[in-house]
C-alpha cells in the first residue's frame, strides 16, 4: 500500500472518532500553550492566529481577496477561522474523502461555500487550473507526505511569487543525530511507522529542499515546550503500549497509539521538535545576482 493510501485509510477510518472525542472541535491538530494563551480554546487557535498575521502582512502585496490554500486541510477548521476573520478565498485539499465531505457540509452550514471550498486530492498533484495562492500552509500534514522534496516542488507550483508557505509539524531535533540508545531508535521507528511520518526530516533538510524549490526560510519557531506532554492520559497510554507492543493487534488505531506514544517520548527527549516554519516564494528579482 502506498504512503498516500495509508494516510487516506487512516483518516477515513478515524475522522468520525476525532470529531466525536477530540478536544479541539473541528481542529484535529495539537493544542499549543504558547505565550499569551490562557485557555484550551486559545491553545487550539494559536497556530491559526499566527497564520492570520502572515495574511495581514501579505495584504499590502496582493489584491483582495487573497487566495489561501490548506495543503492537508483535515476538517477545514483553520480555513473556516481565517475566512471568519478576513475576506479570503480558501481552498482545502485532503486525501480523505470523509474529511472532504464533512468540510464541504460545514462550509455550507456556515454560509461560506462560495468562498471556502474543499476537495479530495493528493496535495502533490493539485489541478493546474488552481489559482495561485498568496499563502499556503500545512499543519501536521507535511509529515504524512511521501517525499519532502516533492512537497516543496509542488508548493512552488501553487504559491505565487512573493507569497508564503507555512509548515507546522514535527521535525528531527538535534539530539536525533547524536548516539542513541536502542529505545530511542525504536521510538523514531515507531513514529515513522505508527504516526505515518513518511517525511520526518530535520529543519535543515526541509530548508534545503525548500531552497531548491524556490523558497527562502523567513521564520523558524520552536513550539515544542508549548505542547502538552506526558499528561496522565499519555502516561496511561505508555503503560498500555508497553503491554501490547509485541501482540499482533491489527488496525490503524493501535498503530497510531504506538506511534503517538513514541512521538511523545521523542519530543520529551528532543529527538523530535515541533516547529513552525515560514517560507517565502522567491521572486524573479530575488533570483538576480
C-alpha atoms as a PDB file:
ATOM      1  CA  UNK A   1       0.000   0.000   0.000  1.00  0.00           C
ATOM      2  CA  UNK A   2       1.346   3.438  -0.916  1.00  0.00           C
ATOM      3  CA  UNK A   3       2.021   6.149   1.669  1.00  0.00           C
ATOM      4  CA  UNK A   4      -0.921   8.181   0.366  1.00  0.00           C
ATOM      5  CA  UNK A   5      -3.255   5.171   0.540  1.00  0.00           C
ATOM      6  CA  UNK A   6      -2.291   4.507   4.152  1.00  0.00           C
ATOM      7  CA  UNK A   7      -2.885   8.131   5.145  1.00  0.00           C
ATOM      8  CA  UNK A   8      -6.236   8.133   3.330  1.00  0.00           C
ATOM      9  CA  UNK A   9      -7.329   4.893   5.003  1.00  0.00           C
ATOM     10  CA  UNK A  10      -6.267   6.092   8.449  1.00  0.00           C
ATOM     11  CA  UNK A  11      -8.229   9.349   8.281  1.00  0.00           C
ATOM     12  CA  UNK A  12     -11.237   7.808   6.562  1.00  0.00           C
ATOM     13  CA  UNK A  13     -11.476   5.296   9.422  1.00  0.00           C
ATOM     14  CA  UNK A  14     -10.757   7.657  12.318  1.00  0.00           C
ATOM     15  CA  UNK A  15     -12.148  11.097  11.428  1.00  0.00           C
ATOM     16  CA  UNK A  16     -15.556  10.396  12.974  1.00  0.00           C
ATOM     17  CA  UNK A  17     -13.776   9.401  16.209  1.00  0.00           C
ATOM     18  CA  UNK A  18     -11.738  12.636  16.158  1.00  0.00           C
ATOM     19  CA  UNK A  19     -14.892  14.706  15.677  1.00  0.00           C
ATOM     20  CA  UNK A  20     -16.735  12.931  18.483  1.00  0.00           C
ATOM     21  CA  UNK A  21     -13.987  12.692  21.096  1.00  0.00           C
ATOM     22  CA  UNK A  22     -11.409  15.314  20.099  1.00  0.00           C
ATOM     23  CA  UNK A  23     -10.853  18.299  22.375  1.00  0.00           C
ATOM     24  CA  UNK A  24     -10.404  20.836  19.575  1.00  0.00           C
ATOM     25  CA  UNK A  25     -13.859  20.559  17.977  1.00  0.00           C
ATOM     26  CA  UNK A  26     -13.173  20.675  14.205  1.00  0.00           C
ATOM     27  CA  UNK A  27      -9.459  21.270  14.856  1.00  0.00           C
ATOM     28  CA  UNK A  28      -7.663  17.940  14.865  1.00  0.00           C
ATOM     29  CA  UNK A  29      -4.165  19.327  15.349  1.00  0.00           C
ATOM     30  CA  UNK A  30      -2.479  19.756  18.727  1.00  0.00           C
ATOM     31  CA  UNK A  31      -3.100  22.490  21.274  1.00  0.00           C
ATOM     32  CA  UNK A  32      -0.213  24.964  21.615  1.00  0.00           C
ATOM     33  CA  UNK A  33       0.074  26.619  25.035  1.00  0.00           C
ATOM     34  CA  UNK A  34       2.430  29.403  23.957  1.00  0.00           C
ATOM     35  CA  UNK A  35       2.847  32.873  25.444  1.00  0.00           C
ATOM     36  CA  UNK A  36      -0.453  34.720  25.723  1.00  0.00           C
ATOM     37  CA  UNK A  37      -2.593  31.561  25.725  1.00  0.00           C
ATOM     38  CA  UNK A  38      -4.799  31.221  28.802  1.00  0.00           C
ATOM     39  CA  UNK A  39      -7.375  28.577  27.900  1.00  0.00           C
ATOM     40  CA  UNK A  40      -7.828  25.486  25.746  1.00  0.00           C
ATOM     41  CA  UNK A  41      -9.807  27.232  23.020  1.00  0.00           C
ATOM     42  CA  UNK A  42      -6.963  29.718  22.565  1.00  0.00           C
ATOM     43  CA  UNK A  43      -4.418  26.900  22.551  1.00  0.00           C
ATOM     44  CA  UNK A  44      -6.184  25.227  19.630  1.00  0.00           C
ATOM     45  CA  UNK A  45      -6.392  28.563  17.791  1.00  0.00           C
ATOM     46  CA  UNK A  46      -2.801  29.675  18.421  1.00  0.00           C
ATOM     47  CA  UNK A  47      -1.462  28.484  15.056  1.00  0.00           C
ATOM     48  CA  UNK A  48      -4.432  29.965  13.210  1.00  0.00           C
ATOM     49  CA  UNK A  49      -3.667  33.370  14.716  1.00  0.00           C
ATOM     50  CA  UNK A  50      -0.051  33.098  13.565  1.00  0.00           C
ATOM     51  CA  UNK A  51      -1.248  32.328  10.038  1.00  0.00           C
ATOM     52  CA  UNK A  52      -3.682  35.259  10.181  1.00  0.00           C
ATOM     53  CA  UNK A  53      -0.769  37.593  10.948  1.00  0.00           C
ATOM     54  CA  UNK A  54       1.039  36.388   7.849  1.00  0.00           C
ATOM     55  CA  UNK A  55      -2.079  37.082   5.809  1.00  0.00           C
ATOM     56  CA  UNK A  56      -2.265  40.611   7.173  1.00  0.00           C
ATOM     57  CA  UNK A  57       1.346  41.195   6.148  1.00  0.00           C
ATOM     58  CA  UNK A  58       0.649  39.916   2.628  1.00  0.00           C
ATOM     59  CA  UNK A  59      -2.307  42.263   2.221  1.00  0.00           C
ATOM     60  CA  UNK A  60      -0.010  45.043   1.051  1.00  0.00           C
ATOM     61  CA  UNK A  61       1.418  42.902  -1.764  1.00  0.00           C
ATOM     62  CA  UNK A  62      -1.619  41.002  -3.071  1.00  0.00           C
ATOM     63  CA  UNK A  63      -5.003  42.205  -4.256  1.00  0.00           C
ATOM     64  CA  UNK A  64      -8.004  41.198  -2.180  1.00  0.00           C
ATOM     65  CA  UNK A  65      -9.413  38.684  -1.766  1.00  0.00           C
ATOM     66  CA  UNK A  66      -6.241  36.714  -1.070  1.00  0.00           C
ATOM     67  CA  UNK A  67      -6.291  33.057  -2.067  1.00  0.00           C
ATOM     68  CA  UNK A  68      -5.300  30.780   0.829  1.00  0.00           C
ATOM     69  CA  UNK A  69      -4.505  27.110   0.252  1.00  0.00           C
ATOM     70  CA  UNK A  70      -4.551  24.495   3.031  1.00  0.00           C
ATOM     71  CA  UNK A  71      -2.429  21.515   1.989  1.00  0.00           C
ATOM     72  CA  UNK A  72      -3.787  18.687   4.145  1.00  0.00           C
ATOM     73  CA  UNK A  73      -6.815  20.571   5.449  1.00  0.00           C
ATOM     74  CA  UNK A  74      -8.409  17.895   7.628  1.00  0.00           C
ATOM     75  CA  UNK A  75     -11.884  19.106   8.578  1.00  0.00           C
ATOM     76  CA  UNK A  76     -11.148  22.659   7.456  1.00  0.00           C
ATOM     77  CA  UNK A  77     -11.137  24.348  10.861  1.00  0.00           C
ATOM     78  CA  UNK A  78      -8.209  26.656  10.069  1.00  0.00           C
ATOM     79  CA  UNK A  79      -9.708  27.881   6.800  1.00  0.00           C
ATOM     80  CA  UNK A  80     -13.061  28.482   8.499  1.00  0.00           C
ATOM     81  CA  UNK A  81     -11.352  30.587  11.151  1.00  0.00           C
ATOM     82  CA  UNK A  82      -9.341  32.587   8.614  1.00  0.00           C
ATOM     83  CA  UNK A  83     -12.424  33.177   6.466  1.00  0.00           C
ATOM     84  CA  UNK A  84     -14.312  34.443   9.517  1.00  0.00           C
ATOM     85  CA  UNK A  85     -11.520  36.915  10.276  1.00  0.00           C
ATOM     86  CA  UNK A  86     -10.533  38.144   6.799  1.00  0.00           C
ATOM     87  CA  UNK A  87     -12.128  38.353   3.315  1.00  0.00           C
ATOM     88  CA  UNK A  88     -10.134  35.479   1.848  1.00  0.00           C
ATOM     89  CA  UNK A  89     -10.919  32.854  -0.754  1.00  0.00           C
ATOM     90  CA  UNK A  90      -9.909  29.472   0.631  1.00  0.00           C
ATOM     91  CA  UNK A  91      -9.174  26.074  -0.885  1.00  0.00           C
ATOM     92  CA  UNK A  92      -8.590  22.954   1.192  1.00  0.00           C
ATOM     93  CA  UNK A  93      -7.175  19.664  -0.077  1.00  0.00           C
ATOM     94  CA  UNK A  94      -7.251  16.377   1.821  1.00  0.00           C
ATOM     95  CA  UNK A  95      -6.618  12.769   0.841  1.00  0.00           C
ATOM     96  CA  UNK A  96      -9.620  11.695   2.914  1.00  0.00           C
ATOM     97  CA  UNK A  97     -12.972  11.630   1.192  1.00  0.00           C
ATOM     98  CA  UNK A  98     -14.620  11.502   4.612  1.00  0.00           C
ATOM     99  CA  UNK A  99     -12.899  14.712   5.662  1.00  0.00           C
ATOM    100  CA  UNK A 100     -13.605  16.467   2.358  1.00  0.00           C
ATOM    101  CA  UNK A 101     -17.333  15.712   2.573  1.00  0.00           C
ATOM    102  CA  UNK A 102     -17.533  16.804   6.205  1.00  0.00           C
ATOM    103  CA  UNK A 103     -15.666  20.054   5.451  1.00  0.00           C
ATOM    104  CA  UNK A 104     -17.951  20.844   2.484  1.00  0.00           C
ATOM    105  CA  UNK A 105     -21.039  20.274   4.627  1.00  0.00           C
ATOM    106  CA  UNK A 106     -19.697  22.541   7.350  1.00  0.00           C
ATOM    107  CA  UNK A 107     -18.732  25.203   4.817  1.00  0.00           C
ATOM    108  CA  UNK A 108     -22.306  25.239   3.510  1.00  0.00           C
ATOM    109  CA  UNK A 109     -23.743  25.327   7.037  1.00  0.00           C
ATOM    110  CA  UNK A 110     -21.570  28.335   7.882  1.00  0.00           C
ATOM    111  CA  UNK A 111     -22.572  30.157   4.721  1.00  0.00           C
ATOM    112  CA  UNK A 112     -19.009  30.058   3.380  1.00  0.00           C
ATOM    113  CA  UNK A 113     -19.435  27.663   0.453  1.00  0.00           C
ATOM    114  CA  UNK A 114     -18.873  30.397  -2.143  1.00  0.00           C
ATOM    115  CA  UNK A 115     -15.587  31.470  -0.559  1.00  0.00           C
ATOM    116  CA  UNK A 116     -14.180  28.297   1.020  1.00  0.00           C
ATOM    117  CA  UNK A 117     -14.095  25.073  -0.962  1.00  0.00           C
ATOM    118  CA  UNK A 118     -12.722  21.610  -0.233  1.00  0.00           C
ATOM    119  CA  UNK A 119     -11.826  18.670  -2.402  1.00  0.00           C
ATOM    120  CA  UNK A 120     -10.344  15.218  -2.093  1.00  0.00           C
ATOM    121  CA  UNK A 121      -6.881  15.235  -3.647  1.00  0.00           C
ATOM    122  CA  UNK A 122      -3.220  14.464  -3.175  1.00  0.00           C
ATOM    123  CA  UNK A 123      -1.555  17.780  -2.321  1.00  0.00           C
ATOM    124  CA  UNK A 124       1.386  16.834  -4.520  1.00  0.00           C
ATOM    125  CA  UNK A 125      -0.846  16.802  -7.600  1.00  0.00           C
ATOM    126  CA  UNK A 126      -3.461  19.536  -7.428  1.00  0.00           C
ATOM    127  CA  UNK A 127      -5.213  20.690 -10.628  1.00  0.00           C
ATOM    128  CA  UNK A 128      -3.264  23.026 -12.911  1.00  0.00           C
ATOM    129  CA  UNK A 129      -6.335  25.268 -13.004  1.00  0.00           C
ATOM    130  CA  UNK A 130      -5.894  26.099  -9.304  1.00  0.00           C
ATOM    131  CA  UNK A 131      -5.469  29.851  -8.834  1.00  0.00           C
ATOM    132  CA  UNK A 132      -2.053  30.908  -7.450  1.00  0.00           C
ATOM    133  CA  UNK A 133      -2.136  31.263  -3.663  1.00  0.00           C
ATOM    134  CA  UNK A 134      -0.835  34.245  -1.736  1.00  0.00           C
ATOM    135  CA  UNK A 135      -0.387  31.875   1.184  1.00  0.00           C
ATOM    136  CA  UNK A 136      -0.347  28.089   1.529  1.00  0.00           C
ATOM    137  CA  UNK A 137       0.004  26.162   4.759  1.00  0.00           C
ATOM    138  CA  UNK A 138       0.185  22.661   6.196  1.00  0.00           C
ATOM    139  CA  UNK A 139      -0.491  21.972   9.862  1.00  0.00           C
ATOM    140  CA  UNK A 140       0.658  18.472  10.853  1.00  0.00           C
ATOM    141  CA  UNK A 141       0.177  17.273   7.267  1.00  0.00           C
ATOM    142  CA  UNK A 142       3.648  17.750   5.742  1.00  0.00           C
ATOM    143  CA  UNK A 143       4.971  14.791   7.738  1.00  0.00           C
ATOM    144  CA  UNK A 144       2.438  12.443   6.083  1.00  0.00           C
ATOM    145  CA  UNK A 145       3.665  13.225   2.577  1.00  0.00           C
ATOM    146  CA  UNK A 146       5.663  10.540   0.766  1.00  0.00           C
ATOM    147  CA  UNK A 147       8.531  12.830  -0.270  1.00  0.00           C
ATOM    148  CA  UNK A 148       9.578  16.112   1.428  1.00  0.00           C
ATOM    149  CA  UNK A 149      11.390  17.398  -1.659  1.00  0.00           C
ATOM    150  CA  UNK A 150       8.301  16.738  -3.794  1.00  0.00           C
ATOM    151  CA  UNK A 151       6.189  18.646  -1.250  1.00  0.00           C
ATOM    152  CA  UNK A 152       8.166  21.843  -1.728  1.00  0.00           C
ATOM    153  CA  UNK A 153       8.287  21.432  -5.507  1.00  0.00           C
ATOM    154  CA  UNK A 154       4.502  21.087  -5.536  1.00  0.00           C
ATOM    155  CA  UNK A 155       4.045  24.070  -3.221  1.00  0.00           C
ATOM    156  CA  UNK A 156       6.226  26.141  -5.552  1.00  0.00           C
ATOM    157  CA  UNK A 157       3.685  25.484  -8.316  1.00  0.00           C
ATOM    158  CA  UNK A 158       0.797  26.636  -6.145  1.00  0.00           C
ATOM    159  CA  UNK A 159       2.240  29.707  -4.385  1.00  0.00           C
ATOM    160  CA  UNK A 160       2.578  32.999  -6.243  1.00  0.00           C
ATOM    161  CA  UNK A 161       5.980  34.766  -6.311  1.00  0.00           C
ATOM    162  CA  UNK A 162       6.298  36.789  -3.118  1.00  0.00           C
ATOM    163  CA  UNK A 163       3.733  34.576  -1.427  1.00  0.00           C
ATOM    164  CA  UNK A 164       4.368  32.467   1.652  1.00  0.00           C
ATOM    165  CA  UNK A 165       4.293  28.830   2.684  1.00  0.00           C
ATOM    166  CA  UNK A 166       3.816  27.820   6.321  1.00  0.00           C
ATOM    167  CA  UNK A 167       4.682  24.360   7.613  1.00  0.00           C
ATOM    168  CA  UNK A 168       3.969  23.484  11.238  1.00  0.00           C
ATOM    169  CA  UNK A 169       4.920  19.932  12.098  1.00  0.00           C
ATOM    170  CA  UNK A 170       7.331  17.538  13.772  1.00  0.00           C
ATOM    171  CA  UNK A 171      10.966  17.640  12.657  1.00  0.00           C
ATOM    172  CA  UNK A 172      14.029  15.702  13.714  1.00  0.00           C
ATOM    173  CA  UNK A 173      15.751  17.555  16.549  1.00  0.00           C
ATOM    174  CA  UNK A 174      19.485  17.998  17.133  1.00  0.00           C
ATOM    175  CA  UNK A 175      19.568  15.068  19.567  1.00  0.00           C
ATOM    176  CA  UNK A 176      18.418  12.697  16.820  1.00  0.00           C
ATOM    177  CA  UNK A 177      21.888  12.809  15.227  1.00  0.00           C
ATOM    178  CA  UNK A 178      23.713  12.037  18.479  1.00  0.00           C
ATOM    179  CA  UNK A 179      24.473   8.465  19.615  1.00  0.00           C
ATOM    180  CA  UNK A 180      21.114   6.966  20.562  1.00  0.00           C
ATOM    181  CA  UNK A 181      20.007   4.068  22.714  1.00  0.00           C
ATOM    182  CA  UNK A 182      18.097   1.111  21.298  1.00  0.00           C
ATOM    183  CA  UNK A 183      14.946   2.514  22.896  1.00  0.00           C
ATOM    184  CA  UNK A 184      15.388   5.917  21.217  1.00  0.00           C
ATOM    185  CA  UNK A 185      15.944   4.260  17.852  1.00  0.00           C
ATOM    186  CA  UNK A 186      12.779   2.235  18.403  1.00  0.00           C
ATOM    187  CA  UNK A 187      10.809   5.400  19.199  1.00  0.00           C
ATOM    188  CA  UNK A 188      11.897   7.039  15.951  1.00  0.00           C
ATOM    189  CA  UNK A 189      10.986   3.913  14.010  1.00  0.00           C
ATOM    190  CA  UNK A 190       7.579   3.736  15.702  1.00  0.00           C
ATOM    191  CA  UNK A 191       6.923   7.402  14.892  1.00  0.00           C
ATOM    192  CA  UNK A 192       7.679   6.740  11.239  1.00  0.00           C
ATOM    193  CA  UNK A 193       5.514   3.612  11.018  1.00  0.00           C
ATOM    194  CA  UNK A 194       2.763   4.258  13.570  1.00  0.00           C
ATOM    195  CA  UNK A 195       2.384   8.012  13.040  1.00  0.00           C
ATOM    196  CA  UNK A 196       2.681   7.629   9.246  1.00  0.00           C
ATOM    197  CA  UNK A 197       5.625  10.027   9.387  1.00  0.00           C
ATOM    198  CA  UNK A 198       6.903   9.483   5.864  1.00  0.00           C
ATOM    199  CA  UNK A 199       8.613  12.898   5.713  1.00  0.00           C
ATOM    200  CA  UNK A 200      10.310  13.041   9.105  1.00  0.00           C
ATOM    201  CA  UNK A 201      13.320  15.253   8.333  1.00  0.00           C
ATOM    202  CA  UNK A 202      15.316  17.943  10.120  1.00  0.00           C
ATOM    203  CA  UNK A 203      14.610  21.649   9.737  1.00  0.00           C
ATOM    204  CA  UNK A 204      17.931  21.997   7.917  1.00  0.00           C
ATOM    205  CA  UNK A 205      16.904  19.335   5.410  1.00  0.00           C
ATOM    206  CA  UNK A 206      13.485  20.975   4.931  1.00  0.00           C
ATOM    207  CA  UNK A 207      15.190  24.344   4.400  1.00  0.00           C
ATOM    208  CA  UNK A 208      17.432  22.852   1.722  1.00  0.00           C
ATOM    209  CA  UNK A 209      14.530  21.127  -0.046  1.00  0.00           C
ATOM    210  CA  UNK A 210      12.587  24.399   0.083  1.00  0.00           C
ATOM    211  CA  UNK A 211      15.518  26.407  -1.284  1.00  0.00           C
ATOM    212  CA  UNK A 212      15.862  24.023  -4.220  1.00  0.00           C
ATOM    213  CA  UNK A 213      12.188  24.623  -4.992  1.00  0.00           C
ATOM    214  CA  UNK A 214      12.494  28.415  -4.819  1.00  0.00           C
ATOM    215  CA  UNK A 215      11.612  29.234  -1.200  1.00  0.00           C
ATOM    216  CA  UNK A 216      13.651  31.034   1.441  1.00  0.00           C
ATOM    217  CA  UNK A 217      13.117  30.487   5.163  1.00  0.00           C
ATOM    218  CA  UNK A 218      11.808  33.616   6.870  1.00  0.00           C
ATOM    219  CA  UNK A 219      10.937  32.312  10.337  1.00  0.00           C
ATOM    220  CA  UNK A 220      11.595  29.240  12.483  1.00  0.00           C
ATOM    221  CA  UNK A 221       9.763  28.924  15.817  1.00  0.00           C
ATOM    222  CA  UNK A 222      10.364  26.061  18.192  1.00  0.00           C
ATOM    223  CA  UNK A 223       6.998  25.330  19.839  1.00  0.00           C
ATOM    224  CA  UNK A 224       7.954  22.041  21.489  1.00  0.00           C
ATOM    225  CA  UNK A 225       7.865  23.450  25.008  1.00  0.00           C
ATOM    226  CA  UNK A 226       4.330  24.746  24.406  1.00  0.00           C
ATOM    227  CA  UNK A 227       2.884  21.278  23.792  1.00  0.00           C
ATOM    228  CA  UNK A 228       1.079  19.183  26.387  1.00  0.00           C
ATOM    229  CA  UNK A 229       3.466  16.311  27.014  1.00  0.00           C
ATOM    230  CA  UNK A 230       3.218  13.397  29.452  1.00  0.00           C
ATOM    231  CA  UNK A 231      -0.267  14.171  30.728  1.00  0.00           C
ATOM    232  CA  UNK A 232      -1.928  11.434  32.833  1.00  0.00           C
ATOM    233  CA  UNK A 233      -3.635  10.087  29.700  1.00  0.00           C
ATOM    234  CA  UNK A 234      -0.260   9.980  27.915  1.00  0.00           C
ATOM    235  CA  UNK A 235       1.343   8.068  30.782  1.00  0.00           C
ATOM    236  CA  UNK A 236      -1.574   5.630  30.799  1.00  0.00           C
ATOM    237  CA  UNK A 237      -1.103   5.094  27.060  1.00  0.00           C
ATOM    238  CA  UNK A 238       2.584   4.348  27.648  1.00  0.00           C
ATOM    239  CA  UNK A 239       1.622   1.552  30.042  1.00  0.00           C
ATOM    240  CA  UNK A 240      -0.895   0.168  27.544  1.00  0.00           C
ATOM    241  CA  UNK A 241       1.646   0.255  24.705  1.00  0.00           C
ATOM    242  CA  UNK A 242       4.303  -1.409  26.862  1.00  0.00           C
ATOM    243  CA  UNK A 243       1.992  -4.358  27.498  1.00  0.00           C
ATOM    244  CA  UNK A 244       0.608  -4.606  23.980  1.00  0.00           C
ATOM    245  CA  UNK A 245       3.580  -3.679  21.797  1.00  0.00           C
ATOM    246  CA  UNK A 246       4.513  -7.285  20.984  1.00  0.00           C
ATOM    247  CA  UNK A 247       0.969  -8.520  20.438  1.00  0.00           C
ATOM    248  CA  UNK A 248      -0.411  -8.882  16.901  1.00  0.00           C
ATOM    249  CA  UNK A 249      -3.045  -6.158  17.336  1.00  0.00           C
ATOM    250  CA  UNK A 250      -4.453  -5.117  13.953  1.00  0.00           C
ATOM    251  CA  UNK A 251      -5.738  -1.751  12.771  1.00  0.00           C
ATOM    252  CA  UNK A 252      -4.597   1.832  12.302  1.00  0.00           C
ATOM    253  CA  UNK A 253      -5.940   2.911  15.697  1.00  0.00           C
ATOM    254  CA  UNK A 254      -3.465   0.713  17.578  1.00  0.00           C
ATOM    255  CA  UNK A 255      -0.617   1.707  15.252  1.00  0.00           C
ATOM    256  CA  UNK A 256      -1.364   5.365  15.900  1.00  0.00           C
ATOM    257  CA  UNK A 257      -1.355   4.771  19.662  1.00  0.00           C
ATOM    258  CA  UNK A 258       2.066   3.163  19.431  1.00  0.00           C
ATOM    259  CA  UNK A 259       3.305   5.957  17.149  1.00  0.00           C
ATOM    260  CA  UNK A 260       1.739   8.677  19.294  1.00  0.00           C
ATOM    261  CA  UNK A 261       3.351   7.312  22.436  1.00  0.00           C
ATOM    262  CA  UNK A 262       6.732   7.184  20.689  1.00  0.00           C
ATOM    263  CA  UNK A 263       6.248  10.746  19.447  1.00  0.00           C
ATOM    264  CA  UNK A 264       5.585  11.944  23.000  1.00  0.00           C
ATOM    265  CA  UNK A 265       8.775  10.332  24.250  1.00  0.00           C
ATOM    266  CA  UNK A 266      10.800  11.640  21.301  1.00  0.00           C
ATOM    267  CA  UNK A 267       9.518  15.178  21.909  1.00  0.00           C
ATOM    268  CA  UNK A 268      10.414  14.995  25.601  1.00  0.00           C
ATOM    269  CA  UNK A 269      13.949  13.830  24.711  1.00  0.00           C
ATOM    270  CA  UNK A 270      14.215  16.414  21.899  1.00  0.00           C
ATOM    271  CA  UNK A 271      14.797  13.708  19.343  1.00  0.00           C
ATOM    272  CA  UNK A 272      11.892  15.412  17.586  1.00  0.00           C
ATOM    273  CA  UNK A 273      10.807  19.048  17.819  1.00  0.00           C
ATOM    274  CA  UNK A 274       7.539  20.762  16.930  1.00  0.00           C
ATOM    275  CA  UNK A 275       8.414  23.679  14.664  1.00  0.00           C
ATOM    276  CA  UNK A 276       6.556  26.492  12.909  1.00  0.00           C
ATOM    277  CA  UNK A 277       8.320  27.436   9.673  1.00  0.00           C
ATOM    278  CA  UNK A 278       7.502  30.320   7.333  1.00  0.00           C
ATOM    279  CA  UNK A 279       8.929  30.315   3.820  1.00  0.00           C
ATOM    280  CA  UNK A 280       8.700  32.996   1.136  1.00  0.00           C
ATOM    281  CA  UNK A 281       8.467  32.193  -2.572  1.00  0.00           C
ATOM    282  CA  UNK A 282      11.438  33.818  -4.275  1.00  0.00           C
ATOM    283  CA  UNK A 283      10.579  36.377  -6.957  1.00  0.00           C
ATOM    284  CA  UNK A 284      12.461  36.901 -10.212  1.00  0.00           C
ATOM    285  CA  UNK A 285      14.103  39.980  -8.674  1.00  0.00           C
ATOM    286  CA  UNK A 286      15.358  37.884  -5.761  1.00  0.00           C
ATOM    287  CA  UNK A 287      16.973  35.442  -8.182  1.00  0.00           C
ATOM    288  CA  UNK A 288      19.137  38.082  -9.832  1.00  0.00           C
ATOM    289  CA  UNK A 289      22.748  38.281  -8.510  1.00  0.00           C
END
